[in-house]
Every structure is written in C-alpha cells, then in structure tokens.
Amino acid sequence: MTSLDLHKRRGAAVARGVSSVIDSYVDHAGGGTLTDVDGNEWIDFASGIAVTSVGNAAPKVVAAVRAQVERFTHTCFMVTPYEQYVAVCEMLNALTPGDFDKRSMLVNSGAEAVENAVKIARHATGRTAVVVFDHAYHGRTNLTMALTAKNMPYKHRFGPFAGEVYRVPMSYPLRDGGLSGAEAAARALDIVSSQIGATNVAAILVEPIQGEGGFVVPAPGFLPALSAWASEAGAVFIADEIQTGFCRTGDWFASSHEGVVPDLMTLAKGIAGGLPLGAVTGRADIMDAVHPGGLGGTYGGNPLACAAALASVETMRELDLVTAARRIDLTMGGRLRDLAAADPRIAEVRGRGAMLAVEITQPGTLTPDPATTSAVSAECHRRGLLTLTCGTYGNVLRFLPPLVIDDRTLERGLDTLVAAFAAV
C-alpha cells in the first residue's frame, strides 16, 4: 500500500477539516527520522509537535506499555483507581517548580489540561475573568479557542466562544519597539487593572515561550512581573508548559529560566513518549479547593499512558535530555544565526533549547512574509526534512527535533534547511 493509495482512502474516509503537513504516510520512526510506506526517509524537525522528545519508540516506554497492556488497559480511575495514576501525580508534584505542597490531576490532552486549570482557578478564587495574551495558543475546544488568539484555522466560524476571557499585549521583543520585559508587563497589567479590575481576575494564563504564536520568547522580567502581580491581586498564575515542558527548552520547564514558580502548570505533549496524557499540577490549596467529583474524565490518566509517562521521564533523566536540548541549541542556534546573517529575509532567530524558530519578513522590514515561509517549508519537505510553520502571521519556521536526535542527523537536517532557503 503506497502513500498515494492511502491518500485516496483518506479522502473518502477522513473529514476534510483534519489536515496534515505532508501527504506521505509513516511506516516506522525513531532516532530523529521518519520512514514512509514508500521507503522515503524524512529528518524529523517536528517531533509530532514537541511530543516525541524521547523518540518515537523509546525502549523503556515500549517495554512499560507492553507490560501494562498485558495487565489491564482501562478501569477508569474514578471507578476503580490504580497505582500508575498516583505514581505519575507523585512524579509531577516532585518534578515541577516550587517547594510547596502540590496536587495533580490527569487528563487526555493539553486542551483538557487548560480547561481544567481555568475551572480550578475560578472555583478556588470565586472569580471569573481569565487574562490571556496576544498570539497565544491554548487549544481547539470551545473554551480554549476563546483563549487562543489566532483566527484561521483555529477559530474561524466556530463561535460563539466562552466568555470572561480578556486578551492583553504579549512581550514580543522583535515587534515591541524596544520595550523591556518590565515595561511590556506594565503595559499589559495597566489594561487588566483599568478594563477588567484586579479583584475580578481569576487567573493569568501565559505560555512561558509561545508555541503556535511563533515561538515568541518574552523579554526578561515579563513573566516575573506577571507572577508578582497575580500573587498580590489574589489571582492564580497559570503557566501553559504544554509545548515547553519536559526538557524541551534546556530546563525541565521553561518557567525555571527566570525562577518563576507558577501556582498551576498545564502539561502534556512530551510527558508520555507519544501516548495521550495531560496534567494540571499546582499548589495543594488551589487544586484541593474543588469538591470531590468536580474534576475527572473517563480516560484521564489511562494506565497505558501513565506507564509511558513514568518510563519517559525515567528516560529523560537517564539520557540527561536537559543537557541534550542545550547541545541542540548550540548546534542549531549557531547554524540558524549564520543563516540569518547571510539571508536578509530572516528578521530574527529565537527560542531556547530544542525549541527554535526563524521569523521571515520582507527584507529590511518587519512586514511578515508568509509566502516565502510556506515556500521554504515546502522545499524542506521536498528534500526530506519535516518542518512546521507557525505564528500569528504564518511567517515563522519552527524547529522541534527529538531530544535524542544524533549530531549527524541534526547536521544533515540543517544542511537541508540551508539548501532550501537558497533554492527559494
């Protein structure tokens, strides 16, 4: 069965709204590459959107899932609990920032984690307003679409959306006209105070490095200022670490870069080696404010996903993937900066660890150039390098290689990227 055959079957079976970056169908993957059913190899700079950090079939994850599936696949933790769920919560409570008492809950996805974090914050504070930021992405459910900034393809004609969501400016150093992090925070918080009212705010929800919004890294001081304001105002500071978490940015969590300790964290993607799992972890007094039965879900914390998560984090520790992400940063960041110095279409190289991006504009301006961005990405695909685009304006190429990628494969991918820019 070829990719062309499968694509014909897909057209007759899969809803048109479910799109894919490429039309090749994967047969097997690992070590930083994907091989399709036709035998073509792709260097993977996507990791299933920051999911397969430990690889697509990490040995410990495979063994743990195999052992668990032979014992039982499901009972529903809300009906008959099991140790694996408890063990993952214990692990998250110990691993996330903050030396205070913590609690966790498990769900199926990042969007579910965000939904539950907002529920918990509203319940704990008795308030309703949620503050989010320009360029943010938090999911595709009704509430998380309201929290997400970008219209197309995420929100277009899917409304009306959930209420009491308020958007304020993000710190975006390339486009902020030189604002410091503290100044950008003051700009945002002035809007919060004057237009929403501090006493109405249940939560401030922010990605420490924005994902779909363009891998925007806020200026130093922005996140600490937001956290301090939330603490003083009695609001819950929620860090959405769904894409940045679990070693991706060269720390276990991106919040740690500036010593920020969130009240709640939303987690998913890289947590379980490719199996569907999300979580909310945070201060025990906030998490435990919700009445028994107020949180849960049929599949949340499925035992197979829990087994995978425990094995995935064990793999991260054994292979020291924090250091691996920093090593990727040194290699990839250096090559991207060299490329930017030679190509005036690249306005900025940004990111941290193995979460890097280039923003592409018309040379000498900040005018976004999504056409060139799409063309370069398509040329990468033609040459066997899997890349993703992102950004509010569609003009950012983002790079998310598996943290276990070897140096030779990483360099081959970067050579391909340079050749793609030259060809477009």
Protein backbone atom coordinates (compact mmCIF):
# COMPACT_ATOMS: atom_id res chain seq x y z
CA MET A 1 0.00 0.00 0.00
CA THR A 2 1.61 3.26 -1.15
CA SER A 3 1.14 6.77 0.25
CA LEU A 4 -0.86 7.60 -2.87
CA ASP A 5 -3.19 4.66 -2.22
CA LEU A 6 -3.60 5.66 1.41
CA HIS A 7 -4.25 9.27 0.46
CA LYS A 8 -7.08 8.18 -1.82
CA ARG A 9 -8.58 6.13 1.02
CA ARG A 10 -8.20 9.08 3.36
CA GLY A 11 -10.13 11.37 1.01
CA ALA A 12 -13.12 9.04 1.16
CA ALA A 13 -12.97 8.40 4.92
CA VAL A 14 -11.42 11.29 6.87
CA ALA A 15 -13.12 14.65 7.42
CA ARG A 16 -11.65 17.40 5.22
CA GLY A 17 -11.04 19.66 8.22
CA VAL A 18 -8.37 17.28 9.56
CA SER A 19 -5.29 18.34 7.60
CA SER A 20 -1.69 17.10 7.51
CA VAL A 21 1.60 18.83 6.80
CA ILE A 22 2.72 16.25 4.21
CA ASP A 23 0.90 13.56 2.23
CA SER A 24 3.36 10.74 2.95
CA TYR A 25 2.21 8.04 5.37
CA VAL A 26 4.64 6.92 8.08
CA ASP A 27 5.60 3.26 8.42
CA HIS A 28 8.18 3.49 11.22
CA ALA A 29 10.15 6.16 13.04
CA GLY A 30 12.94 6.73 15.54
CA GLY A 31 16.34 8.30 16.07
CA GLY A 32 15.29 11.60 14.58
CA THR A 33 13.94 10.20 11.31
CA LEU A 34 10.63 9.00 9.88
CA THR A 35 10.29 6.44 7.08
CA ASP A 36 7.13 6.38 4.99
CA VAL A 37 5.39 3.37 3.44
CA ASP A 38 7.22 4.04 0.17
CA GLY A 39 10.62 3.80 1.86
CA ASN A 40 11.37 7.54 1.83
CA GLU A 41 13.21 8.89 4.87
CA TRP A 42 12.44 12.21 6.49
CA ILE A 43 14.62 14.00 9.03
CA ASP A 44 12.24 14.99 11.82
CA PHE A 45 12.34 18.61 12.98
CA ALA A 46 8.75 18.39 14.28
CA SER A 47 8.60 15.58 16.88
CA GLY A 48 4.85 15.29 16.40
CA ILE A 49 4.65 18.93 17.57
CA ALA A 50 7.06 18.55 20.53
CA VAL A 51 5.69 15.18 21.65
CA THR A 52 8.30 12.54 20.82
CA SER A 53 11.14 14.11 22.79
CA VAL A 54 12.46 10.68 23.89
CA GLY A 55 11.94 9.26 20.39
CA ASN A 56 9.07 7.58 18.61
CA ALA A 57 9.64 4.18 20.20
CA ALA A 58 11.87 4.69 23.24
CA PRO A 59 12.82 1.24 24.59
CA LYS A 60 11.73 1.91 28.18
CA VAL A 61 8.42 3.38 27.01
CA VAL A 62 7.74 0.42 24.72
CA ALA A 63 8.57 -2.07 27.47
CA ALA A 64 6.45 -0.26 30.07
CA VAL A 65 3.42 -0.04 27.79
CA ARG A 66 3.78 -3.68 26.72
CA ALA A 67 3.91 -4.82 30.35
CA GLN A 68 0.92 -2.66 31.30
CA VAL A 69 -1.27 -3.69 28.37
CA GLU A 70 -0.90 -7.31 29.45
CA ARG A 71 -2.19 -6.45 32.94
CA PHE A 72 -5.13 -4.17 32.08
CA THR A 73 -5.84 -1.38 29.60
CA HIS A 74 -8.53 0.55 31.48
CA THR A 75 -10.69 0.63 34.56
CA CYS A 76 -11.34 4.41 34.90
CA PHE A 77 -9.58 5.97 37.87
CA MET A 78 -12.88 7.47 39.02
CA VAL A 79 -14.34 3.98 39.38
CA THR A 80 -11.51 1.68 40.44
CA PRO A 81 -8.22 3.52 40.97
CA TYR A 82 -4.74 2.14 40.28
CA GLU A 83 -1.17 2.86 41.35
CA GLN A 84 0.07 4.18 38.00
CA TYR A 85 -2.11 7.30 38.20
CA VAL A 86 -0.90 8.02 41.72
CA ALA A 87 2.73 7.46 40.71
CA VAL A 88 2.51 9.95 37.84
CA CYS A 89 0.97 12.58 40.13
CA GLU A 90 3.73 11.98 42.69
CA MET A 91 6.32 12.36 39.95
CA LEU A 92 4.82 15.62 38.66
CA ASN A 93 4.49 17.08 42.15
CA ALA A 94 8.19 16.43 42.77
CA LEU A 95 9.41 17.50 39.31
CA THR A 96 7.64 20.83 38.79
CA PRO A 97 8.95 24.12 40.25
CA GLY A 98 8.10 25.09 43.82
CA ASP A 99 8.87 23.51 47.19
CA PHE A 100 5.28 23.85 48.46
CA ASP A 101 2.74 21.05 48.85
CA LYS A 102 1.25 20.12 45.46
CA ARG A 103 -1.51 18.08 43.91
CA SER A 104 -2.04 16.88 40.33
CA MET A 105 -4.86 15.62 38.13
CA LEU A 106 -4.51 13.75 34.83
CA VAL A 107 -6.39 14.23 31.57
CA ASN A 108 -6.02 13.21 27.92
CA SER A 109 -4.64 16.31 26.20
CA GLY A 110 -3.24 19.80 26.53
CA ALA A 111 -6.57 21.45 25.80
CA GLU A 112 -8.20 19.42 28.57
CA ALA A 113 -5.43 20.45 30.94
CA VAL A 114 -6.03 24.13 30.17
CA GLU A 115 -9.81 23.75 30.54
CA ASN A 116 -9.35 22.17 33.95
CA ALA A 117 -6.79 24.71 35.11
CA VAL A 118 -9.26 27.50 34.34
CA LYS A 119 -12.05 25.60 36.12
CA ILE A 120 -9.87 25.12 39.18
CA ALA A 121 -8.73 28.75 39.27
CA ARG A 122 -12.29 30.04 39.01
CA HIS A 123 -13.51 27.68 41.70
CA ALA A 124 -10.65 28.46 44.07
CA THR A 125 -10.89 32.25 43.71
CA GLY A 126 -14.63 32.67 43.25
CA ARG A 127 -13.82 34.97 40.32
CA THR A 128 -14.48 34.60 36.60
CA ALA A 129 -12.13 36.72 34.47
CA VAL A 130 -9.22 34.99 32.72
CA VAL A 131 -6.39 37.07 31.24
CA VAL A 132 -4.61 35.73 28.15
CA PHE A 133 -2.20 37.25 25.63
CA ASP A 134 -1.87 38.25 22.00
CA HIS A 135 -0.51 35.43 19.81
CA ALA A 136 -1.45 32.79 22.42
CA TYR A 137 -2.47 29.26 21.56
CA HIS A 138 -4.17 27.06 24.16
CA GLY A 139 -6.27 24.53 22.22
CA ARG A 140 -9.25 23.78 19.98
CA THR A 141 -12.15 23.20 22.40
CA ASN A 142 -14.72 25.95 22.87
CA LEU A 143 -13.07 27.46 25.93
CA THR A 144 -9.53 27.04 24.64
CA MET A 145 -10.49 28.57 21.29
CA ALA A 146 -11.63 31.60 23.26
CA LEU A 147 -8.24 31.63 24.98
CA THR A 148 -6.41 31.24 21.64
CA ALA A 149 -5.63 34.38 19.66
CA LYS A 150 -5.33 33.23 16.04
CA ASN A 151 -8.49 33.12 13.94
CA MET A 152 -7.56 30.95 10.95
CA PRO A 153 -7.65 27.97 11.08
CA TYR A 154 -8.44 27.64 14.79
CA LYS A 155 -11.46 29.88 15.44
CA HIS A 156 -12.96 30.80 12.08
CA ARG A 157 -16.76 30.27 12.14
CA PHE A 158 -16.64 28.11 15.27
CA GLY A 159 -18.13 30.68 17.68
CA PRO A 160 -19.70 31.91 19.82
CA PHE A 161 -16.95 31.30 22.35
CA ALA A 162 -16.84 31.09 26.11
CA GLY A 163 -16.99 34.43 27.90
CA GLU A 164 -14.99 36.29 30.55
CA VAL A 165 -11.76 35.91 28.56
CA TYR A 166 -9.68 39.08 28.16
CA ARG A 167 -6.69 39.49 25.83
CA VAL A 168 -3.78 41.85 26.51
CA PRO A 169 -0.48 42.53 24.68
CA MET A 170 2.33 39.99 24.88
CA SER A 171 6.00 40.85 25.24
CA TYR A 172 7.23 40.36 21.67
CA PRO A 173 10.75 41.82 21.57
CA LEU A 174 11.08 41.90 17.76
CA ARG A 175 7.86 43.94 17.45
CA ASP A 176 7.76 45.82 20.76
CA GLY A 177 9.84 48.82 19.79
CA GLY A 178 12.45 48.16 22.47
CA LEU A 179 10.17 47.63 25.46
CA SER A 180 11.81 45.81 28.35
CA GLY A 181 10.06 42.88 29.96
CA ALA A 182 9.02 45.03 32.90
CA GLU A 183 7.66 47.72 30.59
CA ALA A 184 5.75 45.20 28.49
CA ALA A 185 4.26 43.71 31.66
CA ALA A 186 3.26 47.15 32.90
CA ARG A 187 1.53 47.83 29.58
CA ALA A 188 -0.47 44.61 29.84
CA LEU A 189 -1.27 44.93 33.52
CA ASP A 190 -2.45 48.52 33.15
CA ILE A 191 -5.12 47.20 30.77
CA VAL A 192 -6.02 44.47 33.25
CA SER A 193 -6.38 46.94 36.12
CA SER A 194 -8.29 49.58 34.18
CA GLN A 195 -10.53 47.47 31.94
CA ILE A 196 -11.09 44.28 33.93
CA GLY A 197 -10.33 45.09 37.56
CA ALA A 198 -7.78 43.20 39.62
CA THR A 199 -10.38 41.83 42.02
CA ASN A 200 -12.25 40.17 39.13
CA VAL A 201 -9.29 38.23 37.78
CA ALA A 202 -9.35 34.51 38.50
CA ALA A 203 -6.21 33.70 36.52
CA ILE A 204 -3.45 34.96 34.30
CA LEU A 205 -2.68 32.26 31.72
CA VAL A 206 0.55 32.52 29.73
CA GLU A 207 2.94 30.35 27.74
CA PRO A 208 6.49 31.00 29.03
CA ILE A 209 7.53 30.70 25.37
CA GLN A 210 4.62 30.93 22.98
CA GLY A 211 4.16 27.93 20.71
CA GLU A 212 1.79 28.25 17.76
CA GLY A 213 2.01 32.04 18.19
CA GLY A 214 5.53 32.00 16.79
CA PHE A 215 7.93 30.73 19.48
CA VAL A 216 7.86 34.21 20.96
CA VAL A 217 10.26 34.48 23.90
CA PRO A 218 9.17 37.33 26.19
CA ALA A 219 11.77 39.84 27.26
CA PRO A 220 13.46 39.11 30.61
CA GLY A 221 11.37 40.35 33.51
CA PHE A 222 7.99 39.95 31.80
CA LEU A 223 7.00 36.65 33.39
CA PRO A 224 8.25 37.53 36.91
CA ALA A 225 6.26 40.77 36.79
CA LEU A 226 3.07 38.93 35.81
CA SER A 227 3.60 36.35 38.55
CA ALA A 228 4.21 39.01 41.19
CA TRP A 229 1.08 40.93 40.15
CA ALA A 230 -1.05 37.80 40.28
CA SER A 231 0.19 36.98 43.77
CA GLU A 232 -0.61 40.46 45.03
CA ALA A 233 -4.02 40.52 43.32
CA GLY A 234 -5.06 37.11 44.63
CA ALA A 235 -5.22 35.69 41.11
CA VAL A 236 -3.87 32.31 40.02
CA PHE A 237 -0.77 32.42 37.81
CA ILE A 238 -1.02 29.56 35.30
CA ALA A 239 1.95 28.62 33.13
CA ASP A 240 0.97 26.71 30.00
CA GLU A 241 4.02 24.45 29.63
CA ILE A 242 2.32 22.04 27.24
CA GLN A 243 4.85 22.64 24.45
CA THR A 244 7.77 23.92 26.54
CA GLY A 245 7.79 21.28 29.27
CA PHE A 246 9.90 18.19 29.91
CA CYS A 247 13.42 19.28 28.92
CA ARG A 248 12.41 20.90 25.63
CA THR A 249 13.89 24.35 26.38
CA GLY A 250 17.04 23.15 28.14
CA ASP A 251 15.35 23.14 31.54
CA TRP A 252 12.76 20.71 32.81
CA PHE A 253 10.28 23.58 32.44
CA ALA A 254 10.64 26.96 30.71
CA SER A 255 9.35 28.83 33.79
CA SER A 256 12.57 27.91 35.57
CA HIS A 257 14.69 30.04 33.25
CA GLU A 258 13.79 33.14 35.25
CA GLY A 259 12.98 31.36 38.50
CA VAL A 260 9.23 31.80 38.05
CA VAL A 261 7.16 29.43 40.20
CA PRO A 262 3.60 29.16 38.81
CA ASP A 263 0.60 28.47 41.01
CA LEU A 264 -0.63 25.95 38.41
CA MET A 265 1.05 24.37 35.39
CA THR A 266 -0.62 22.72 32.42
CA LEU A 267 1.35 19.83 30.93
CA ALA A 268 1.04 17.40 28.01
CA LYS A 269 2.88 16.71 24.71
CA GLY A 270 6.33 15.45 25.78
CA ILE A 271 5.08 13.89 29.01
CA ALA A 272 4.42 10.32 27.82
CA GLY A 273 6.58 9.44 24.83
CA GLY A 274 3.73 9.81 22.35
CA LEU A 275 0.80 8.41 24.31
CA PRO A 276 -2.10 10.79 25.06
CA LEU A 277 -1.72 12.30 28.52
CA GLY A 278 -2.10 15.75 30.02
CA ALA A 279 -1.97 17.11 33.55
CA VAL A 280 -2.60 20.05 35.83
CA THR A 281 -0.14 20.35 38.70
CA GLY A 282 -0.04 23.08 41.32
CA ARG A 283 -0.47 24.37 44.82
CA ALA A 284 -2.38 21.95 47.01
CA ASP A 285 -4.69 24.62 48.45
CA ILE A 286 -5.79 25.68 44.96
CA MET A 287 -6.05 22.18 43.49
CA ASP A 288 -7.93 20.84 46.52
CA ALA A 289 -10.42 23.73 46.51
CA VAL A 290 -12.60 21.80 44.07
CA HIS A 291 -15.21 19.48 45.61
CA PRO A 292 -14.92 15.68 45.10
CA GLY A 293 -16.37 14.73 41.72
CA GLY A 294 -15.76 18.18 40.27
CA LEU A 295 -12.74 17.00 38.27
CA GLY A 296 -12.19 13.90 36.17
CA GLY A 297 -12.88 12.16 32.87
CA THR A 298 -13.39 8.63 31.62
CA TYR A 299 -9.96 8.18 30.06
CA GLY A 300 -7.93 10.73 32.04
CA GLY A 301 -4.75 9.11 33.34
CA ASN A 302 -5.26 5.93 31.34
CA PRO A 303 -2.93 3.24 32.77
CA LEU A 304 -1.08 2.75 29.47
CA ALA A 305 -0.35 6.49 29.22
CA CYS A 306 0.71 6.59 32.87
CA ALA A 307 3.13 3.70 32.36
CA ALA A 308 4.53 5.52 29.32
CA ALA A 309 4.91 8.77 31.28
CA LEU A 310 6.86 7.15 34.11
CA ALA A 311 9.16 5.45 31.59
CA SER A 312 9.51 8.62 29.52
CA VAL A 313 10.63 10.74 32.47
CA GLU A 314 13.00 7.97 33.56
CA THR A 315 14.48 8.06 30.04
CA MET A 316 14.84 11.85 30.21
CA ARG A 317 16.79 11.52 33.44
CA GLU A 318 18.99 8.63 32.30
CA LEU A 319 19.87 10.27 28.98
CA ASP A 320 20.11 13.76 30.55
CA LEU A 321 17.86 15.28 27.92
CA VAL A 322 18.09 18.70 29.59
CA THR A 323 21.73 18.78 28.52
CA ALA A 324 20.81 17.27 25.15
CA ALA A 325 18.40 20.16 24.49
CA ARG A 326 21.13 22.65 25.32
CA ARG A 327 23.53 20.85 22.98
CA ILE A 328 20.95 21.04 20.19
CA ASP A 329 20.62 24.76 20.92
CA LEU A 330 24.36 25.28 20.48
CA THR A 331 24.46 23.47 17.15
CA MET A 332 21.14 24.52 15.65
CA GLY A 333 21.16 28.04 17.09
CA GLY A 334 24.62 28.68 15.68
CA ARG A 335 23.69 27.42 12.22
CA LEU A 336 20.46 29.44 12.22
CA ARG A 337 22.29 32.62 13.20
CA ASP A 338 24.81 32.05 10.42
CA LEU A 339 21.93 31.59 8.01
CA ALA A 340 20.24 34.77 9.24
CA ALA A 341 23.44 36.75 8.78
CA ALA A 342 23.53 35.68 5.14
CA ASP A 343 19.81 35.93 4.34
CA PRO A 344 18.04 39.30 4.87
CA ARG A 345 14.64 37.60 4.81
CA ILE A 346 15.28 36.24 8.31
CA ALA A 347 14.36 39.01 10.74
CA GLU A 348 15.09 37.05 13.93
CA VAL A 349 16.35 33.75 15.26
CA ARG A 350 14.75 32.97 18.60
CA GLY A 351 13.80 30.26 21.06
CA ARG A 352 15.58 28.21 23.66
CA GLY A 353 16.99 24.69 23.82
CA ALA A 354 15.46 22.45 21.16
CA MET A 355 12.58 24.88 20.59
CA LEU A 356 13.94 27.31 17.99
CA ALA A 357 12.48 29.37 15.16
CA VAL A 358 13.19 31.94 12.48
CA GLU A 359 10.79 34.77 11.64
CA ILE A 360 10.70 35.60 7.95
CA THR A 361 9.87 39.11 6.74
CA GLN A 362 10.32 41.21 3.66
CA PRO A 363 14.00 42.24 3.72
CA GLY A 364 14.74 45.33 5.77
CA THR A 365 11.24 45.49 7.24
CA LEU A 366 9.04 43.80 9.83
CA THR A 367 6.38 43.06 7.21
CA PRO A 368 5.55 39.36 7.55
CA ASP A 369 6.31 37.15 4.54
CA PRO A 370 4.14 34.03 4.88
CA ALA A 371 4.54 33.15 1.20
CA THR A 372 8.31 32.72 1.49
CA THR A 373 7.86 30.87 4.79
CA SER A 374 5.50 28.36 3.18
CA ALA A 375 7.75 28.01 0.16
CA VAL A 376 10.84 27.29 2.26
CA SER A 377 8.95 24.76 4.36
CA ALA A 378 7.61 23.05 1.22
CA GLU A 379 11.14 22.91 -0.21
CA CYS A 380 12.36 21.34 3.03
CA HIS A 381 9.66 18.69 2.66
CA ARG A 382 10.64 18.07 -0.97
CA ARG A 383 14.22 17.50 0.17
CA GLY A 384 13.29 15.16 3.03
CA LEU A 385 13.21 17.49 6.05
CA LEU A 386 9.99 17.73 8.05
CA THR A 387 9.43 21.30 9.29
CA LEU A 388 6.46 23.23 10.65
CA THR A 389 5.29 26.80 10.20
CA CYS A 390 3.57 28.88 12.88
CA GLY A 391 2.98 32.44 14.02
CA THR A 392 0.01 34.76 14.01
CA TYR A 393 1.05 35.93 10.53
CA GLY A 394 2.14 32.49 9.29
CA ASN A 395 5.70 33.71 8.78
CA VAL A 396 7.66 31.64 11.32
CA LEU A 397 9.51 28.38 10.69
CA ARG A 398 9.77 26.39 13.92
CA PHE A 399 12.11 23.56 14.75
CA LEU A 400 11.40 20.85 17.32
CA PRO A 401 13.81 17.96 16.80
CA PRO A 402 13.58 14.95 19.12
CA LEU A 403 15.92 15.44 22.06
CA VAL A 404 17.51 12.08 21.24
CA ILE A 405 18.50 13.10 17.70
CA ASP A 406 22.16 12.34 16.97
CA ASP A 407 24.60 15.05 15.86
CA ARG A 408 25.00 13.69 12.33
CA THR A 409 21.25 13.63 11.66
CA LEU A 410 20.85 17.11 13.15
CA GLU A 411 23.59 18.49 10.90
CA ARG A 412 22.09 16.78 7.83
CA GLY A 413 18.77 18.41 8.61
CA LEU A 414 20.38 21.83 8.98
CA ASP A 415 22.25 21.36 5.68
CA THR A 416 18.91 20.63 4.05
CA LEU A 417 17.36 23.73 5.62
CA VAL A 418 20.16 25.95 4.30
CA ALA A 419 19.77 24.43 0.84
CA ALA A 420 16.01 25.03 0.94
CA PHE A 421 16.49 28.73 1.73
CA ALA A 422 18.96 29.00 -1.13
CA ALA A 423 16.54 27.30 -3.53
CA VAL A 424 13.58 29.57 -2.75
